[in-house]
């Protein structure tokens, strides 16, 4: 993972998720870049090139991933006492 993400309830966030925070369209490329530790620009460039070469196949795969893969869960990145306070509220 390119960033250290930690969910205090379940440990590190693992797996493949769409990343809507860094998204241009649906966050598929951002999710691939985050999961496999690639540069986001390179993944987007590869997707654009694949779309120009194999437009229908790439579009169907991209939309399929968008429909089947969940969004990245929210992760708290603060102090434990603040987390406990807001968890109770």
Protein backbone atom coordinates (compact mmCIF):
# COMPACT_ATOMS: atom_id res chain seq x y z
CA UNK A 1 0.00 0.00 0.00
CA UNK A 2 1.32 3.39 -0.87
CA UNK A 3 -0.06 5.00 2.28
CA UNK A 4 -0.21 3.58 5.77
CA UNK A 5 -3.91 3.22 6.41
CA UNK A 6 -5.13 1.74 9.64
CA UNK A 7 -8.65 1.10 10.79
CA UNK A 8 -8.54 1.03 14.60
CA UNK A 9 -11.33 -1.58 14.75
CA UNK A 10 -9.99 -4.07 12.23
CA UNK A 11 -6.28 -3.31 11.71
CA UNK A 12 -4.74 -2.27 8.37
CA UNK A 13 -7.07 -1.75 5.44
CA UNK A 14 -6.30 -4.54 2.99
CA UNK A 15 -7.78 -5.67 -0.27
CA UNK A 16 -8.92 -3.96 -3.40
CA UNK A 17 -11.21 -0.96 -3.06
CA UNK A 18 -12.24 1.94 -5.25
CA UNK A 19 -10.75 5.17 -3.96
CA UNK A 20 -13.29 7.99 -4.49
CA UNK A 21 -11.10 10.53 -2.66
CA UNK A 22 -8.48 10.43 -5.44
CA UNK A 23 -10.91 9.70 -8.26
CA UNK A 24 -11.42 11.35 -11.61
CA UNK A 25 -14.44 9.28 -12.58
CA UNK A 26 -15.25 6.38 -10.23
CA UNK A 27 -11.97 5.74 -8.39
CA UNK A 28 -11.07 2.48 -10.12
CA UNK A 29 -7.62 3.62 -11.26
CA UNK A 30 -6.90 5.14 -7.86
CA UNK A 31 -7.85 1.87 -6.19
CA UNK A 32 -5.59 -0.14 -8.49
CA UNK A 33 -2.70 2.26 -7.89
CA UNK A 34 -3.18 2.13 -4.12
CA UNK A 35 -3.53 -1.67 -3.94
CA UNK A 36 -0.52 -2.55 -6.10
CA UNK A 37 1.62 0.48 -5.11
CA UNK A 38 1.76 1.94 -8.63
CA UNK A 39 1.86 5.60 -9.53
CA UNK A 40 -1.64 6.92 -10.09
CA UNK A 41 -0.68 8.82 -13.24
CA UNK A 42 0.80 5.70 -14.81
CA UNK A 43 -2.35 3.68 -14.10
CA UNK A 44 -4.51 6.41 -15.61
CA UNK A 45 -2.25 6.64 -18.67
CA UNK A 46 -2.37 2.86 -19.15
CA UNK A 47 -6.17 2.95 -18.87
CA UNK A 48 -6.42 5.70 -21.49
CA UNK A 49 -4.12 3.79 -23.86
CA UNK A 50 -6.11 0.59 -23.35
CA UNK A 51 -9.32 2.51 -23.96
CA UNK A 52 -7.99 3.85 -27.26
CA UNK A 53 -6.87 0.38 -28.37
CA UNK A 54 -9.72 -1.76 -27.00
CA UNK A 55 -12.48 0.71 -26.26
CA UNK A 56 -15.47 -1.59 -25.67
CA UNK A 57 -13.56 -4.19 -23.69
CA UNK A 58 -11.90 -1.57 -21.50
CA UNK A 59 -15.16 0.28 -20.92
CA UNK A 60 -16.99 -2.92 -19.95
CA UNK A 61 -14.19 -3.97 -17.58
CA UNK A 62 -14.01 -0.51 -16.02
CA UNK A 63 -17.77 -0.37 -15.45
CA UNK A 64 -17.74 -3.94 -14.14
CA UNK A 65 -15.09 -3.07 -11.56
CA UNK A 66 -17.05 0.05 -10.63
CA UNK A 67 -20.17 -2.01 -9.99
CA UNK A 68 -18.54 -4.96 -8.22
CA UNK A 69 -15.82 -3.40 -6.05
CA UNK A 70 -16.66 -1.54 -2.84
CA UNK A 71 -15.46 1.93 -1.93
CA UNK A 72 -12.51 2.27 0.39
CA UNK A 73 -13.70 2.43 4.01
CA UNK A 74 -13.23 5.58 6.03
CA UNK A 75 -10.14 5.50 8.21
CA UNK A 76 -9.62 7.50 11.39
CA UNK A 77 -6.12 9.04 11.67
CA UNK A 78 -6.14 10.83 15.00
CA UNK A 79 -5.48 10.22 18.67
CA UNK A 80 -7.08 7.33 20.51
CA UNK A 81 -8.78 9.52 23.13
CA UNK A 82 -10.47 11.60 20.40
CA UNK A 83 -11.54 8.43 18.64
CA UNK A 84 -13.05 7.06 21.85
CA UNK A 85 -14.87 10.34 22.47
CA UNK A 86 -16.48 10.44 19.02
CA UNK A 87 -17.16 6.71 19.11
CA UNK A 88 -19.35 7.20 22.21
CA UNK A 89 -21.19 10.24 20.84
